[in-house]
Amino acid sequence: MSVEGQTFPKSVQPGIPKLGSTPKGWKRYRIGDLFDVVSRPTDLHDDQEYDLVTVKRSRGGIERRSHLLGRQISVKSQFLLEEGDFLISKRQIVHGACAVVPAEFSGSIVSNEYSVLRPRPVLSLNYLRYLVHSVYLQQTFFHSSVGVHVEKMIFRLEDWFKWPIHLPPVAEQEKLGRGLMDADAKITLLTEKKTALEDYKRGLMQRLFSRELRFTRDDGSAFPDWEERKLRDVFDWVQTNSLSREHLVDDAASGVQNIHYGDIHGKYRALFFQSKENAPFIAATAPLRDIKAAEYLRVGDVVIADASEDYADIGKAIEIMEVVPKSAVAGLHTYIARPKAKSLVLGFSGYLLRSAPMRKQTMRIAQGISVLGVSKSNLEKLTFWLPHPDEQRKIAAALSALDAKIDALSRKISEMDAFKKGLLQKLFV
């Protein structure tokens, strides 16, 4: 490996490969002991169709690159792939471009820009699928490649084959590999269920806030028509502070948490429960004036992010559903909107301000080039339709019930991820 000093992308692991002592019951091999090099040259026929494939970076699998007639393929030196081959991109392996060939790509072809290997009996194919995710193996790929720039490095298979590696018995490899495949299957299923629920919720919000779908009273009678309001009719503004992220810490010494606009963009749901969120605390050294009693967040307050680098997050809001008195405030690039009187039911505002009609209006009033912003004066002019309080309550209950199901799935996914990481630790010794 010969690369000038440079900063590497996340897909590259340039560290020095270090292998510890051989675990009890495992064996030490050279990587070259684990594979046979295979070569299946194919003669291209002008009128025959061929699938050409490529390997994605970061161990992202194999995908079809093109489907061509033989006469359309400019590089005539092509090689046939079979299910179970291990495919390495010579020019992209430093970025993790390698994969086991699945059944769907058996019969596809690649050029001599790829190394095609076949695992020997000492290496389980299921184990190999996950072994390539180890930092050690990624480092060996990097240090078996030559070039003066990370994007121009070429893999040398003969060098890679010299690196040592530890393997457990094949039976243990199979057990770990199957466990990881089962974990991945469960994570995929849970993720699909979560995505379906999120899509359903998005569609339900669209129908509810466009008034296409209406709730009825418990006795089946209709609620009154929705009333048109402006934001200034139902909210008052409350002072926020100007503390940036550098003045926020995980240490709870100050006792006061601070809502950062960046966390509204990507971390918090529409309804904010203090006990469920890991909001940062104000550092003891932060340049903060005395906080007035009215400036502390209260249940029912809405915190709006007034700045963003993209339209998707500009003006995004959360509603405070639970907060200990005088324990939280809102910081840089946020507005606090406090409900007037009793026109809004708790739990409704967070969804209202994230509804499609409100988001479209907010994006229209955003100003700026590299960083977008919205002003209080323009936010005050936003219009929306407000249902009867009892209908608000039903809307909030329906949407929060969906959020609870989505959160439950997120927790299950996290649990499966933790289980998978535990198996991976056993794999990569």
Protein backbone atom coordinates (compact mmCIF):
# COMPACT_ATOMS: atom_id res chain seq x y z
CA MET A 1 0.00 0.00 0.00
CA SER A 2 1.36 3.39 -1.01
CA VAL A 3 -0.92 6.35 -0.48
CA GLU A 4 -0.04 9.97 0.19
CA GLY A 5 -1.32 11.48 3.45
CA GLN A 6 -5.02 12.12 2.95
CA THR A 7 -8.37 12.06 4.69
CA PHE A 8 -10.28 8.89 3.88
CA PRO A 9 -14.04 8.49 3.37
CA LYS A 10 -16.05 6.42 5.84
CA SER A 11 -16.13 3.51 3.41
CA VAL A 12 -12.36 3.04 3.81
CA GLN A 13 -10.57 1.39 6.75
CA PRO A 14 -6.88 2.41 6.42
CA GLY A 15 -5.74 1.25 9.88
CA ILE A 16 -3.03 -1.36 10.34
CA PRO A 17 -4.58 -4.87 10.53
CA LYS A 18 -3.85 -6.44 13.92
CA LEU A 19 -4.77 -9.99 14.80
CA GLY A 20 -4.67 -11.18 18.41
CA SER A 21 -3.93 -14.64 19.75
CA THR A 22 -5.91 -17.57 18.38
CA PRO A 23 -9.07 -18.22 20.44
CA LYS A 24 -9.46 -21.64 22.03
CA GLY A 25 -10.89 -24.11 19.54
CA TRP A 26 -10.22 -21.85 16.56
CA LYS A 27 -7.52 -22.26 13.91
CA ARG A 28 -5.14 -19.78 12.32
CA TYR A 29 -5.06 -19.68 8.53
CA ARG A 30 -3.70 -17.59 5.72
CA ILE A 31 -6.53 -15.98 3.77
CA GLY A 32 -5.23 -17.77 0.70
CA ASP A 33 -5.98 -21.09 2.44
CA LEU A 34 -9.70 -20.24 2.39
CA PHE A 35 -10.31 -19.71 -1.32
CA ASP A 36 -9.78 -21.11 -4.78
CA VAL A 37 -9.41 -18.64 -7.63
CA VAL A 38 -11.93 -19.45 -10.36
CA SER A 39 -11.93 -18.36 -13.98
CA ARG A 40 -14.81 -19.15 -16.32
CA PRO A 41 -14.07 -17.26 -19.53
CA THR A 42 -17.05 -16.99 -21.83
CA ASP A 43 -17.17 -16.44 -25.56
CA LEU A 44 -19.52 -13.59 -26.37
CA HIS A 45 -22.00 -14.20 -29.18
CA ASP A 46 -23.24 -11.12 -31.01
CA ASP A 47 -26.96 -11.91 -30.76
CA GLN A 48 -26.99 -13.40 -27.27
CA GLU A 49 -28.12 -11.31 -24.29
CA TYR A 50 -25.92 -10.94 -21.21
CA ASP A 51 -26.33 -9.51 -17.72
CA LEU A 52 -23.33 -7.46 -16.59
CA VAL A 53 -23.13 -6.84 -12.85
CA THR A 54 -21.20 -4.66 -10.45
CA VAL A 55 -20.49 -4.72 -6.71
CA LYS A 56 -21.62 -1.79 -4.57
CA ARG A 57 -19.36 -0.09 -2.05
CA SER A 58 -19.59 -0.67 1.71
CA ARG A 59 -20.52 -4.33 1.20
CA GLY A 60 -23.81 -3.21 -0.31
CA GLY A 61 -24.29 -6.29 -2.48
CA ILE A 62 -24.38 -6.97 -6.21
CA GLU A 63 -26.57 -5.17 -8.73
CA ARG A 64 -27.15 -5.38 -12.46
CA ARG A 65 -25.07 -2.81 -14.35
CA SER A 66 -26.51 -3.44 -17.81
CA HIS A 67 -28.27 -5.97 -20.03
CA LEU A 68 -26.63 -6.07 -23.45
CA LEU A 69 -26.23 -8.08 -26.60
CA GLY A 70 -22.79 -9.59 -27.08
CA ARG A 71 -21.95 -7.18 -29.90
CA GLN A 72 -22.73 -4.22 -27.61
CA ILE A 73 -20.14 -5.24 -24.99
CA SER A 74 -16.90 -3.39 -25.71
CA VAL A 75 -14.65 -5.42 -23.37
CA LYS A 76 -14.70 -8.92 -24.85
CA SER A 77 -12.83 -10.59 -22.00
CA GLN A 78 -15.73 -11.59 -19.72
CA PHE A 79 -16.12 -14.26 -17.05
CA LEU A 80 -19.14 -16.22 -15.89
CA LEU A 81 -20.39 -16.07 -12.29
CA GLU A 82 -22.07 -18.82 -10.30
CA GLU A 83 -24.12 -18.72 -7.11
CA GLY A 84 -21.79 -18.84 -4.08
CA ASP A 85 -18.83 -17.13 -5.76
CA PHE A 86 -17.07 -14.41 -3.76
CA LEU A 87 -16.69 -11.36 -6.00
CA ILE A 88 -14.13 -8.60 -5.36
CA SER A 89 -13.88 -5.35 -7.34
CA LYS A 90 -10.17 -4.71 -7.82
CA ARG A 91 -10.65 -0.95 -8.11
CA GLN A 92 -13.29 -0.50 -5.41
CA ILE A 93 -12.42 -3.06 -2.74
CA VAL A 94 -10.76 -0.38 -0.57
CA HIS A 95 -14.34 0.97 -0.29
CA GLY A 96 -15.69 -2.46 0.64
CA ALA A 97 -16.91 -3.50 -2.83
CA CYS A 98 -17.21 -7.27 -2.39
CA ALA A 99 -20.09 -9.72 -2.11
CA VAL A 100 -21.20 -13.32 -2.26
CA VAL A 101 -23.04 -13.96 -5.54
CA PRO A 102 -26.73 -14.75 -4.90
CA ALA A 103 -28.79 -17.14 -7.03
CA GLU A 104 -30.46 -14.32 -8.98
CA PHE A 105 -27.09 -13.27 -10.47
CA SER A 106 -25.84 -16.74 -11.31
CA GLY A 107 -24.99 -16.72 -15.03
CA SER A 108 -24.11 -13.02 -15.06
CA ILE A 109 -20.72 -11.90 -16.34
CA VAL A 110 -17.91 -9.61 -15.17
CA SER A 111 -14.68 -8.36 -16.71
CA ASN A 112 -11.16 -9.06 -15.45
CA GLU A 113 -11.55 -5.94 -13.27
CA TYR A 114 -12.94 -8.41 -10.71
CA SER A 115 -11.42 -11.27 -8.74
CA VAL A 116 -13.73 -14.29 -8.58
CA LEU A 117 -13.10 -16.70 -5.69
CA ARG A 118 -14.71 -19.87 -4.41
CA PRO A 119 -14.68 -20.60 -0.64
CA ARG A 120 -13.04 -23.88 0.35
CA PRO A 121 -14.76 -26.29 2.79
CA VAL A 122 -13.01 -24.70 5.81
CA LEU A 123 -15.02 -21.49 5.27
CA SER A 124 -18.83 -21.37 5.57
CA LEU A 125 -20.50 -19.22 2.94
CA ASN A 126 -22.95 -17.82 5.50
CA TYR A 127 -20.04 -16.93 7.77
CA LEU A 128 -18.22 -15.22 4.91
CA ARG A 129 -21.25 -12.98 4.22
CA TYR A 130 -20.66 -11.33 7.60
CA LEU A 131 -16.91 -11.79 7.95
CA VAL A 132 -16.39 -9.13 5.25
CA HIS A 133 -17.95 -6.58 7.62
CA SER A 134 -15.09 -6.95 10.11
CA VAL A 135 -12.75 -3.99 10.41
CA TYR A 136 -9.78 -6.36 10.27
CA LEU A 137 -10.73 -7.79 6.89
CA GLN A 138 -11.51 -4.32 5.51
CA GLN A 139 -8.06 -3.19 6.65
CA THR A 140 -6.43 -6.15 4.90
CA PHE A 141 -8.19 -5.16 1.68
CA PHE A 142 -6.80 -1.64 1.97
CA HIS A 143 -3.25 -2.77 2.74
CA SER A 144 -3.33 -5.24 -0.15
CA SER A 145 -4.00 -2.42 -2.61
CA VAL A 146 -1.52 -0.06 -4.26
CA GLY A 147 -1.87 3.46 -5.62
CA VAL A 148 -1.11 7.10 -4.89
CA HIS A 149 -4.76 8.07 -4.27
CA VAL A 150 -7.57 6.19 -2.58
CA GLU A 151 -9.74 6.44 -5.72
CA LYS A 152 -6.98 4.97 -7.89
CA MET A 153 -5.84 2.03 -5.78
CA ILE A 154 -5.67 -1.43 -7.35
CA PHE A 155 -6.17 -4.63 -5.36
CA ARG A 156 -3.42 -7.26 -5.39
CA LEU A 157 -4.96 -10.63 -4.66
CA GLU A 158 -1.60 -12.33 -4.07
CA ASP A 159 -0.82 -9.84 -1.27
CA TRP A 160 -4.23 -10.29 0.35
CA PHE A 161 -3.82 -14.07 0.41
CA LYS A 162 -0.78 -13.68 2.71
CA TRP A 163 -2.70 -12.11 5.63
CA PRO A 164 -3.44 -14.35 8.65
CA ILE A 165 -6.96 -14.93 9.96
CA HIS A 166 -8.68 -16.91 12.73
CA LEU A 167 -11.65 -19.18 12.06
CA PRO A 168 -13.83 -21.29 14.36
CA PRO A 169 -14.86 -24.84 13.30
CA VAL A 170 -17.23 -24.93 10.33
CA ALA A 171 -20.18 -26.06 12.50
CA GLU A 172 -19.74 -22.98 14.69
CA GLN A 173 -19.36 -20.79 11.61
CA GLU A 174 -22.68 -22.12 10.28
CA LYS A 175 -24.43 -21.56 13.60
CA LEU A 176 -23.22 -17.94 13.82
CA GLY A 177 -23.96 -17.29 10.15
CA ARG A 178 -27.51 -18.64 10.40
CA GLY A 179 -28.11 -16.63 13.57
CA LEU A 180 -27.02 -13.46 11.81
CA MET A 181 -29.14 -14.23 8.75
CA ASP A 182 -32.17 -14.82 10.99
CA ALA A 183 -31.49 -11.53 12.78
CA ASP A 184 -31.25 -9.70 9.46
CA ALA A 185 -34.50 -11.28 8.26
CA LYS A 186 -36.30 -10.16 11.43
CA ILE A 187 -34.85 -6.65 11.18
CA THR A 188 -35.98 -6.45 7.55
CA LEU A 189 -39.50 -7.62 8.44
CA LEU A 190 -39.79 -5.19 11.36
CA THR A 191 -38.46 -2.35 9.21
CA GLU A 192 -41.00 -3.12 6.49
CA LYS A 193 -43.81 -3.09 9.07
CA LYS A 194 -42.56 0.21 10.45
CA THR A 195 -42.35 1.75 6.98
CA ALA A 196 -45.89 0.55 6.17
CA LEU A 197 -47.22 2.12 9.39
CA GLU A 198 -45.41 5.39 8.66
CA ASP A 199 -46.89 5.44 5.16
CA TYR A 200 -50.36 4.71 6.55
CA LYS A 201 -50.01 7.49 9.12
CA ARG A 202 -48.86 9.93 6.44
CA GLY A 203 -51.89 9.07 4.31
CA LEU A 204 -54.24 9.32 7.28
CA MET A 205 -52.91 12.77 8.18
CA GLN A 206 -53.41 13.88 4.59
CA ARG A 207 -57.05 12.78 4.64
CA LEU A 208 -57.75 14.19 8.11
CA PHE A 209 -56.25 17.64 7.64
CA SER A 210 -57.74 18.03 4.17
CA ARG A 211 -61.12 17.21 5.83
CA GLU A 212 -61.65 14.35 3.39
CA LEU A 213 -62.05 12.06 6.40
CA ARG A 214 -64.03 13.23 9.42
CA PHE A 215 -64.63 11.76 12.86
CA THR A 216 -68.09 11.73 14.38
CA ARG A 217 -69.28 12.10 17.94
CA ASP A 218 -69.63 9.01 20.09
CA ASP A 219 -73.38 9.00 19.36
CA GLY A 220 -72.68 9.04 15.60
CA SER A 221 -73.69 12.67 15.03
CA ALA A 222 -71.48 15.04 13.04
CA PHE A 223 -69.10 17.53 14.58
CA PRO A 224 -69.45 21.20 13.58
CA ASP A 225 -67.61 22.44 10.51
CA TRP A 226 -63.97 23.36 10.96
CA GLU A 227 -63.20 27.05 11.43
CA GLU A 228 -60.52 28.94 9.53
CA ARG A 229 -57.90 30.54 11.77
CA LYS A 230 -54.53 32.24 11.54
CA LEU A 231 -51.60 31.18 13.67
CA ARG A 232 -51.67 34.51 15.52
CA ASP A 233 -55.28 33.81 16.56
CA VAL A 234 -54.35 30.81 18.66
CA PHE A 235 -50.70 31.31 19.72
CA ASP A 236 -48.59 33.88 21.57
CA TRP A 237 -44.80 34.05 21.28
CA VAL A 238 -42.46 33.32 24.19
CA GLN A 239 -38.80 34.41 24.43
CA THR A 240 -36.11 31.83 23.62
CA ASN A 241 -32.34 31.86 24.24
CA SER A 242 -29.54 31.94 21.64
CA LEU A 243 -27.39 29.08 22.93
CA SER A 244 -25.73 27.03 20.19
CA ARG A 245 -24.78 23.35 20.38
CA GLU A 246 -21.33 24.15 21.83
CA HIS A 247 -22.98 25.33 25.07
CA LEU A 248 -24.98 22.12 25.54
CA VAL A 249 -23.78 19.03 27.41
CA ASP A 250 -24.98 15.62 28.60
CA ASP A 251 -24.13 16.51 32.22
CA ALA A 252 -27.35 17.30 34.10
CA ALA A 253 -25.59 19.59 36.61
CA SER A 254 -27.46 22.72 35.48
CA GLY A 255 -30.80 20.94 35.75
CA VAL A 256 -32.13 22.76 32.69
CA GLN A 257 -32.53 21.07 29.32
CA ASN A 258 -32.41 22.99 26.06
CA ILE A 259 -34.31 22.17 22.87
CA HIS A 260 -31.92 22.58 19.94
CA TYR A 261 -33.35 23.29 16.50
CA GLY A 262 -31.23 20.53 14.93
CA ASP A 263 -32.90 17.96 17.17
CA ILE A 264 -36.33 19.16 16.04
CA HIS A 265 -35.21 18.51 12.46
CA GLY A 266 -34.21 14.90 12.89
CA LYS A 267 -34.56 13.56 16.42
CA TYR A 268 -37.88 14.42 18.05
CA ARG A 269 -41.35 13.25 17.09
CA ALA A 270 -44.28 15.65 16.76
CA LEU A 271 -45.19 15.05 20.42
CA PHE A 272 -42.35 15.62 22.90
CA PHE A 273 -42.25 13.74 26.18
CA GLN A 274 -39.35 14.95 28.33
CA SER A 275 -38.94 11.63 30.14
CA LYS A 276 -38.61 9.76 26.83
CA GLU A 277 -36.19 12.10 25.07
CA ASN A 278 -32.50 12.60 25.72
CA ALA A 279 -32.42 16.38 25.36
CA PRO A 280 -29.06 18.06 26.17
CA PHE A 281 -28.51 20.27 29.22
CA ILE A 282 -27.22 23.82 29.36
CA ALA A 283 -23.53 23.83 30.35
CA ALA A 284 -22.63 25.54 33.61
CA THR A 285 -20.23 27.79 31.66
CA ALA A 286 -22.84 28.87 29.09
CA PRO A 287 -23.29 32.66 28.65
CA LEU A 288 -26.92 32.69 29.72
CA ARG A 289 -28.91 35.48 31.33
CA ASP A 290 -31.41 34.72 34.08
CA ILE A 291 -34.35 32.75 32.73
CA LYS A 292 -37.72 34.32 33.42
CA ALA A 293 -40.47 32.05 34.70
CA ALA A 294 -42.55 32.51 31.55
CA GLU A 295 -39.65 31.38 29.33
CA TYR A 296 -39.57 27.84 30.68
CA LEU A 297 -41.39 25.33 28.51
CA ARG A 298 -44.88 24.34 29.55
CA VAL A 299 -47.18 21.50 28.57
CA GLY A 300 -48.95 22.49 25.36
CA ASP A 301 -46.17 24.79 24.09
CA VAL A 302 -45.06 24.38 20.50
CA VAL A 303 -41.36 24.77 19.65
CA ILE A 304 -40.68 25.71 16.03
CA ALA A 305 -37.31 25.48 14.26
CA ASP A 306 -36.88 28.79 12.44
CA ALA A 307 -33.82 27.81 10.36
CA SER A 308 -32.74 24.90 8.16
CA GLU A 309 -30.53 24.11 5.21
CA ASP A 310 -33.43 22.47 3.37
CA TYR A 311 -37.15 22.91 2.89
CA ALA A 312 -38.02 19.56 4.47
CA ASP A 313 -37.12 20.81 7.96
CA ILE A 314 -37.76 24.54 7.85
CA GLY A 315 -40.45 25.48 10.36
CA LYS A 316 -40.66 21.94 11.72
CA ALA A 317 -42.34 21.86 15.12
CA ILE A 318 -42.84 19.76 18.24
CA GLU A 319 -45.53 20.01 20.90
CA ILE A 320 -44.53 19.68 24.55
CA MET A 321 -46.64 16.91 26.05
CA GLU A 322 -44.74 16.35 29.29
CA VAL A 323 -42.20 18.52 31.09
CA VAL A 324 -41.20 19.14 34.68
CA PRO A 325 -41.86 22.79 35.64
CA LYS A 326 -38.86 25.10 35.14
CA SER A 327 -36.68 22.32 33.73
CA ALA A 328 -36.49 23.04 29.99
CA VAL A 329 -36.14 25.95 27.56
CA ALA A 330 -35.71 26.41 23.81
CA GLY A 331 -32.48 27.64 22.22
CA LEU A 332 -30.89 29.02 19.07
CA HIS A 333 -33.08 29.21 15.95
CA THR A 334 -36.30 28.29 17.73
CA TYR A 335 -39.57 30.01 18.50
CA ILE A 336 -41.91 29.06 21.34
CA ALA A 337 -45.59 29.36 20.44
CA ARG A 338 -47.86 29.20 23.50
CA PRO A 339 -51.58 28.41 22.97
CA LYS A 340 -54.14 31.06 23.83
CA ALA A 341 -57.19 30.21 25.94
CA LYS A 342 -58.53 26.70 25.30
CA SER A 343 -58.92 26.58 21.54
CA LEU A 344 -56.37 23.78 21.16
CA VAL A 345 -56.53 20.32 22.71
CA LEU A 346 -53.28 18.89 24.08
CA GLY A 347 -51.62 16.66 21.48
CA PHE A 348 -53.30 18.24 18.43
CA SER A 349 -50.93 21.13 17.65
CA GLY A 350 -47.90 18.92 17.03
CA TYR A 351 -49.73 17.06 14.29
CA LEU A 352 -51.44 20.16 12.92
CA LEU A 353 -48.15 21.95 12.33
CA ARG A 354 -46.67 18.87 10.63
CA SER A 355 -49.68 18.37 8.37
CA ALA A 356 -49.22 18.76 4.60
CA PRO A 357 -51.23 22.02 4.30
CA MET A 358 -49.17 23.70 7.05
CA ARG A 359 -45.86 22.37 5.74
CA LYS A 360 -46.58 23.66 2.23
CA GLN A 361 -47.39 27.13 3.57
CA THR A 362 -44.29 27.15 5.76
CA MET A 363 -42.03 26.21 2.86
CA ARG A 364 -43.52 29.02 0.75
CA ILE A 365 -42.65 31.70 3.31
CA ALA A 366 -39.09 30.43 3.88
CA GLN A 367 -36.38 32.85 2.79
CA GLY A 368 -32.65 32.46 2.22
CA ILE A 369 -30.13 30.78 -0.06
CA SER A 370 -27.67 28.50 1.75
CA VAL A 371 -29.67 28.64 5.00
CA LEU A 372 -33.45 29.06 5.02
CA GLY A 373 -35.31 31.02 7.68
CA VAL A 374 -38.88 31.90 8.67
CA SER A 375 -39.90 34.96 10.64
CA LYS A 376 -42.52 35.23 13.37
CA SER A 377 -44.41 37.85 11.38
CA ASN A 378 -44.77 35.49 8.43
CA LEU A 379 -45.61 32.50 10.60
CA GLU A 380 -48.39 34.49 12.23
CA LYS A 381 -50.09 34.80 8.84
CA LEU A 382 -50.32 31.06 8.23
CA THR A 383 -53.92 29.87 7.96
CA PHE A 384 -55.41 26.54 8.92
CA TRP A 385 -58.74 24.90 9.60
CA LEU A 386 -59.46 24.12 13.25
CA PRO A 387 -61.94 21.40 14.28
CA HIS A 388 -64.11 21.27 17.40
CA PRO A 389 -62.03 20.39 20.51
CA ASP A 390 -63.65 16.97 20.78
CA GLU A 391 -62.75 16.19 17.16
CA GLN A 392 -59.22 17.47 17.80
CA ARG A 393 -59.02 15.00 20.66
CA LYS A 394 -60.06 12.09 18.43
CA ILE A 395 -57.57 13.08 15.73
CA ALA A 396 -54.74 13.36 18.26
CA ALA A 397 -55.66 10.00 19.84
CA ALA A 398 -55.69 8.20 16.47
CA LEU A 399 -52.34 9.63 15.35
CA SER A 400 -50.63 9.17 18.72
CA ALA A 401 -51.79 5.53 18.78
CA LEU A 402 -50.04 5.02 15.43
CA ASP A 403 -46.92 6.74 16.79
CA ALA A 404 -46.95 4.36 19.76
CA LYS A 405 -47.01 1.37 17.39
CA ILE A 406 -44.20 2.88 15.31
CA ASP A 407 -42.14 3.51 18.46
CA ALA A 408 -42.71 -0.09 19.61
CA LEU A 409 -41.40 -1.37 16.28
CA SER A 410 -38.39 0.97 16.53
CA ARG A 411 -37.57 -0.50 19.94
CA LYS A 412 -37.80 -4.05 18.58
CA ILE A 413 -35.50 -3.11 15.70
CA SER A 414 -33.00 -1.65 18.17
CA GLU A 415 -33.16 -4.82 20.27
CA MET A 416 -32.50 -6.97 17.20
CA ASP A 417 -29.63 -4.70 16.17
CA ALA A 418 -28.09 -5.15 19.64
CA PHE A 419 -28.54 -8.93 19.38
CA LYS A 420 -26.88 -8.90 15.95
CA LYS A 421 -23.94 -6.85 17.25
CA GLY A 422 -23.46 -9.41 20.00
CA LEU A 423 -23.22 -12.18 17.41
CA LEU A 424 -20.86 -10.11 15.28
CA GLN A 425 -18.52 -9.69 18.24
CA LYS A 426 -18.27 -13.49 18.46
CA LEU A 427 -17.58 -13.61 14.74
CA PHE A 428 -14.81 -11.06 14.46
CA VAL A 429 -12.11 -12.25 16.86
